[in-house]
Amino acid sequence: VTTGTSSTTFSPNGTCTREQIVTFLYRAASLNGTPSYTPKEMNFSDVQDPSKYYYEPILWAYSQDITTGISKTEFDVGNTCIRAMIVTLLKRYDEMR
């Protein structure tokens, strides 16, 4: 589900961004193969590059109603995911399964 913050560190006291948390959930859902879903049109201005590691996980989470972003046009890439957001994402992920 995670590989750490580099090839030699894990950073247990570091913060996690919103895209990292969604990527963890996507990877957990992928443990038995890539999760199938029907992509929805995603209009997040900060999630436009399909080559980014978080693009597919965010598209998956958005399509599964696990995340709605912080607005209709912004996911909030690069910002810290606070506990309340993590709990909400986990609850929605659990409901999706």
N, C-alpha and C. Protein backbone atom coordinates (compact mmCIF):
# COMPACT_ATOMS: atom_id res chain seq x y z
N VAL A 1 0.83 -1.19 0.00
CA VAL A 1 0.00 0.00 0.00
C VAL A 1 0.87 1.25 0.00
N THR A 2 2.02 1.18 0.66
CA THR A 2 2.95 2.31 0.63
C THR A 2 4.38 1.79 0.53
N THR A 3 5.23 2.62 -0.01
CA THR A 3 6.63 2.25 -0.14
C THR A 3 7.53 3.16 0.67
N GLY A 4 6.98 4.11 1.38
CA GLY A 4 7.78 5.04 2.16
C GLY A 4 8.00 6.34 1.41
N THR A 5 8.77 7.22 2.02
CA THR A 5 9.01 8.53 1.42
C THR A 5 10.27 8.57 0.57
N SER A 6 11.08 7.54 0.64
CA SER A 6 12.23 7.37 -0.25
C SER A 6 12.60 5.90 -0.21
N SER A 7 13.66 5.53 -0.87
CA SER A 7 14.08 4.12 -0.87
C SER A 7 14.66 3.69 0.47
N THR A 8 14.97 4.65 1.35
CA THR A 8 15.58 4.30 2.64
C THR A 8 14.84 4.86 3.85
N THR A 9 13.77 5.61 3.65
CA THR A 9 13.04 6.19 4.79
C THR A 9 11.54 5.95 4.67
N PHE A 10 10.88 5.92 5.82
CA PHE A 10 9.43 5.76 5.87
C PHE A 10 8.74 7.03 6.37
N SER A 11 9.36 7.80 7.23
CA SER A 11 8.84 9.06 7.78
C SER A 11 7.55 8.86 8.58
N PRO A 12 7.60 8.05 9.66
CA PRO A 12 6.39 7.79 10.43
C PRO A 12 5.80 9.03 11.10
N ASN A 13 6.57 10.06 11.28
CA ASN A 13 6.05 11.29 11.90
C ASN A 13 5.73 12.37 10.88
N GLY A 14 5.81 12.03 9.61
CA GLY A 14 5.50 13.00 8.56
C GLY A 14 4.00 13.16 8.39
N THR A 15 3.61 14.14 7.62
CA THR A 15 2.20 14.34 7.32
C THR A 15 1.87 13.67 5.99
N CYS A 16 0.61 13.37 5.78
CA CYS A 16 0.16 12.78 4.52
C CYS A 16 -0.71 13.80 3.80
N THR A 17 -0.54 13.83 2.49
CA THR A 17 -1.37 14.71 1.67
C THR A 17 -2.65 13.98 1.28
N ARG A 18 -3.60 14.77 0.78
CA ARG A 18 -4.88 14.18 0.35
C ARG A 18 -4.65 13.14 -0.75
N GLU A 19 -3.76 13.44 -1.70
CA GLU A 19 -3.53 12.48 -2.78
C GLU A 19 -2.83 11.22 -2.29
N GLN A 20 -2.01 11.32 -1.26
CA GLN A 20 -1.37 10.13 -0.70
C GLN A 20 -2.41 9.22 -0.05
N ILE A 21 -3.31 9.79 0.73
CA ILE A 21 -4.34 8.98 1.40
C ILE A 21 -5.22 8.27 0.36
N VAL A 22 -5.65 9.00 -0.66
CA VAL A 22 -6.48 8.38 -1.71
C VAL A 22 -5.69 7.30 -2.44
N THR A 23 -4.41 7.53 -2.65
CA THR A 23 -3.57 6.51 -3.29
C THR A 23 -3.45 5.27 -2.42
N PHE A 24 -3.32 5.43 -1.11
CA PHE A 24 -3.29 4.28 -0.20
C PHE A 24 -4.57 3.47 -0.33
N LEU A 25 -5.72 4.15 -0.36
CA LEU A 25 -7.00 3.44 -0.49
C LEU A 25 -7.09 2.71 -1.83
N TYR A 26 -6.65 3.36 -2.89
CA TYR A 26 -6.66 2.74 -4.22
C TYR A 26 -5.78 1.49 -4.23
N ARG A 27 -4.61 1.59 -3.65
CA ARG A 27 -3.71 0.44 -3.61
C ARG A 27 -4.28 -0.68 -2.76
N ALA A 28 -4.95 -0.34 -1.66
CA ALA A 28 -5.60 -1.36 -0.83
C ALA A 28 -6.70 -2.06 -1.63
N ALA A 29 -7.47 -1.28 -2.38
CA ALA A 29 -8.53 -1.86 -3.21
C ALA A 29 -7.94 -2.69 -4.34
N SER A 30 -6.69 -2.42 -4.70
CA SER A 30 -6.03 -3.11 -5.81
C SER A 30 -5.31 -4.38 -5.40
N LEU A 31 -5.34 -4.74 -4.13
CA LEU A 31 -4.59 -5.90 -3.67
C LEU A 31 -4.99 -7.18 -4.39
N ASN A 32 -6.22 -7.27 -4.84
CA ASN A 32 -6.70 -8.44 -5.59
C ASN A 32 -6.89 -8.11 -7.06
N GLY A 33 -6.14 -7.17 -7.56
CA GLY A 33 -6.26 -6.75 -8.95
C GLY A 33 -6.76 -5.32 -9.02
N THR A 34 -6.60 -4.69 -10.17
CA THR A 34 -7.04 -3.31 -10.33
C THR A 34 -8.54 -3.22 -10.18
N PRO A 35 -9.00 -2.31 -9.32
CA PRO A 35 -10.46 -2.20 -9.12
C PRO A 35 -11.16 -1.74 -10.39
N SER A 36 -12.28 -2.36 -10.69
CA SER A 36 -13.05 -1.93 -11.86
C SER A 36 -14.01 -0.82 -11.43
N TYR A 37 -14.21 0.13 -12.31
CA TYR A 37 -15.13 1.23 -12.05
C TYR A 37 -15.42 1.93 -13.36
N THR A 38 -16.46 2.70 -13.38
CA THR A 38 -16.81 3.51 -14.54
C THR A 38 -16.37 4.94 -14.24
N PRO A 39 -15.35 5.43 -14.96
CA PRO A 39 -14.86 6.78 -14.68
C PRO A 39 -15.93 7.85 -14.90
N LYS A 40 -15.97 8.81 -14.00
CA LYS A 40 -16.82 10.00 -14.17
C LYS A 40 -15.92 11.13 -14.65
N GLU A 41 -16.52 12.10 -15.33
CA GLU A 41 -15.75 13.27 -15.73
C GLU A 41 -15.29 14.01 -14.48
N MET A 42 -14.00 14.26 -14.41
CA MET A 42 -13.41 14.90 -13.25
C MET A 42 -12.88 16.27 -13.67
N ASN A 43 -13.33 17.32 -13.02
CA ASN A 43 -12.97 18.67 -13.40
C ASN A 43 -12.01 19.35 -12.42
N PHE A 44 -11.20 18.58 -11.73
CA PHE A 44 -10.25 19.16 -10.79
C PHE A 44 -9.10 19.80 -11.57
N SER A 45 -8.94 21.10 -11.44
CA SER A 45 -7.88 21.80 -12.17
C SER A 45 -6.49 21.38 -11.73
N ASP A 46 -6.38 20.85 -10.51
CA ASP A 46 -5.07 20.43 -9.99
C ASP A 46 -4.81 18.94 -10.20
N VAL A 47 -5.69 18.26 -10.93
CA VAL A 47 -5.50 16.83 -11.24
C VAL A 47 -5.76 16.66 -12.73
N GLN A 48 -4.80 17.06 -13.54
CA GLN A 48 -4.96 17.01 -14.99
C GLN A 48 -3.92 16.15 -15.69
N ASP A 49 -2.86 15.80 -15.00
CA ASP A 49 -1.74 15.09 -15.63
C ASP A 49 -1.83 13.59 -15.36
N PRO A 50 -2.23 12.79 -16.36
CA PRO A 50 -2.36 11.34 -16.17
C PRO A 50 -1.05 10.63 -15.80
N SER A 51 0.10 11.30 -15.97
CA SER A 51 1.36 10.65 -15.62
C SER A 51 1.69 10.75 -14.12
N LYS A 52 0.94 11.54 -13.38
CA LYS A 52 1.17 11.67 -11.93
C LYS A 52 0.68 10.40 -11.22
N TYR A 53 1.39 9.99 -10.19
CA TYR A 53 1.06 8.75 -9.48
C TYR A 53 -0.35 8.77 -8.90
N TYR A 54 -0.86 9.94 -8.61
CA TYR A 54 -2.16 10.05 -7.95
C TYR A 54 -3.33 10.24 -8.91
N TYR A 55 -3.07 10.41 -10.21
CA TYR A 55 -4.16 10.68 -11.15
C TYR A 55 -5.22 9.57 -11.14
N GLU A 56 -4.79 8.35 -11.41
CA GLU A 56 -5.74 7.21 -11.45
C GLU A 56 -6.42 6.99 -10.10
N PRO A 57 -5.69 7.01 -8.98
CA PRO A 57 -6.37 6.85 -7.69
C PRO A 57 -7.43 7.92 -7.41
N ILE A 58 -7.14 9.17 -7.78
CA ILE A 58 -8.14 10.22 -7.55
C ILE A 58 -9.34 10.04 -8.48
N LEU A 59 -9.09 9.69 -9.74
CA LEU A 59 -10.20 9.42 -10.67
C LEU A 59 -11.06 8.29 -10.15
N TRP A 60 -10.42 7.22 -9.65
CA TRP A 60 -11.15 6.08 -9.08
C TRP A 60 -11.97 6.52 -7.87
N ALA A 61 -11.33 7.23 -6.94
CA ALA A 61 -12.03 7.66 -5.71
C ALA A 61 -13.18 8.62 -6.03
N TYR A 62 -12.98 9.50 -6.97
CA TYR A 62 -14.03 10.43 -7.37
C TYR A 62 -15.19 9.67 -8.01
N SER A 63 -14.87 8.72 -8.87
CA SER A 63 -15.89 7.93 -9.56
C SER A 63 -16.67 7.04 -8.60
N GLN A 64 -16.06 6.67 -7.47
CA GLN A 64 -16.71 5.83 -6.47
C GLN A 64 -17.38 6.66 -5.36
N ASP A 65 -17.37 7.97 -5.49
CA ASP A 65 -17.93 8.89 -4.49
C ASP A 65 -17.21 8.80 -3.14
N ILE A 66 -15.94 8.43 -3.18
CA ILE A 66 -15.13 8.41 -1.96
C ILE A 66 -14.64 9.82 -1.67
N THR A 67 -14.39 10.59 -2.73
CA THR A 67 -13.98 11.98 -2.56
C THR A 67 -14.77 12.86 -3.51
N THR A 68 -14.97 14.08 -3.08
CA THR A 68 -15.60 15.08 -3.94
C THR A 68 -14.66 16.25 -4.16
N GLY A 69 -13.46 16.20 -3.57
CA GLY A 69 -12.55 17.32 -3.63
C GLY A 69 -12.98 18.39 -2.64
N ILE A 70 -12.24 19.49 -2.62
CA ILE A 70 -12.64 20.57 -1.70
C ILE A 70 -13.60 21.54 -2.38
N SER A 71 -13.74 21.38 -3.70
CA SER A 71 -14.74 22.12 -4.46
C SER A 71 -15.00 21.33 -5.75
N LYS A 72 -15.86 21.81 -6.59
CA LYS A 72 -16.14 21.12 -7.85
C LYS A 72 -14.96 21.16 -8.80
N THR A 73 -14.03 22.09 -8.57
CA THR A 73 -12.92 22.25 -9.50
C THR A 73 -11.53 22.05 -8.87
N GLU A 74 -11.48 21.70 -7.59
CA GLU A 74 -10.17 21.52 -6.95
C GLU A 74 -10.18 20.33 -5.99
N PHE A 75 -9.17 19.48 -6.16
CA PHE A 75 -8.98 18.36 -5.25
C PHE A 75 -8.18 18.77 -4.03
N ASP A 76 -7.22 19.66 -4.19
CA ASP A 76 -6.35 20.15 -3.12
C ASP A 76 -5.06 19.36 -3.03
N VAL A 77 -4.46 19.08 -4.18
CA VAL A 77 -3.20 18.35 -4.26
C VAL A 77 -2.12 19.10 -3.49
N GLY A 78 -1.34 18.35 -2.73
CA GLY A 78 -0.20 18.90 -2.02
C GLY A 78 -0.47 19.37 -0.62
N ASN A 79 -1.73 19.42 -0.23
CA ASN A 79 -2.06 19.89 1.11
C ASN A 79 -2.30 18.72 2.06
N THR A 80 -2.04 18.96 3.31
CA THR A 80 -2.14 17.95 4.35
C THR A 80 -3.57 17.44 4.48
N CYS A 81 -3.70 16.14 4.64
CA CYS A 81 -5.00 15.52 4.89
C CYS A 81 -5.16 15.39 6.41
N ILE A 82 -6.07 16.13 6.97
CA ILE A 82 -6.27 16.09 8.42
C ILE A 82 -7.09 14.86 8.81
N ARG A 83 -7.07 14.54 10.09
CA ARG A 83 -7.75 13.32 10.57
C ARG A 83 -9.21 13.26 10.18
N ALA A 84 -9.92 14.37 10.26
CA ALA A 84 -11.35 14.37 9.91
C ALA A 84 -11.55 13.96 8.45
N MET A 85 -10.68 14.44 7.56
CA MET A 85 -10.77 14.07 6.15
C MET A 85 -10.45 12.59 5.96
N ILE A 86 -9.44 12.10 6.69
CA ILE A 86 -9.06 10.68 6.57
C ILE A 86 -10.22 9.79 7.01
N VAL A 87 -10.85 10.14 8.12
CA VAL A 87 -11.97 9.35 8.62
C VAL A 87 -13.11 9.35 7.61
N THR A 88 -13.38 10.49 7.01
CA THR A 88 -14.44 10.58 6.01
C THR A 88 -14.12 9.71 4.80
N LEU A 89 -12.88 9.78 4.32
CA LEU A 89 -12.48 8.95 3.18
C LEU A 89 -12.57 7.46 3.52
N LEU A 90 -12.13 7.09 4.73
CA LEU A 90 -12.21 5.68 5.15
C LEU A 90 -13.65 5.20 5.24
N LYS A 91 -14.53 6.04 5.78
CA LYS A 91 -15.94 5.66 5.89
C LYS A 91 -16.55 5.46 4.51
N ARG A 92 -16.29 6.38 3.60
CA ARG A 92 -16.83 6.26 2.24
C ARG A 92 -16.24 5.05 1.51
N TYR A 93 -14.96 4.79 1.73
CA TYR A 93 -14.31 3.62 1.14
C TYR A 93 -14.97 2.35 1.66
N ASP A 94 -15.21 2.29 2.94
CA ASP A 94 -15.84 1.11 3.54
C ASP A 94 -17.26 0.92 2.99
N GLU A 95 -18.00 1.99 2.83
CA GLU A 95 -19.36 1.91 2.29
C GLU A 95 -19.34 1.45 0.83
N MET A 96 -18.28 1.80 0.10
CA MET A 96 -18.16 1.43 -1.31
C MET A 96 -17.93 -0.06 -1.47
N ARG A 97 -17.20 -0.65 -0.51
CA ARG A 97 -16.85 -2.06 -0.62
C ARG A 97 -18.06 -2.87 -0.36
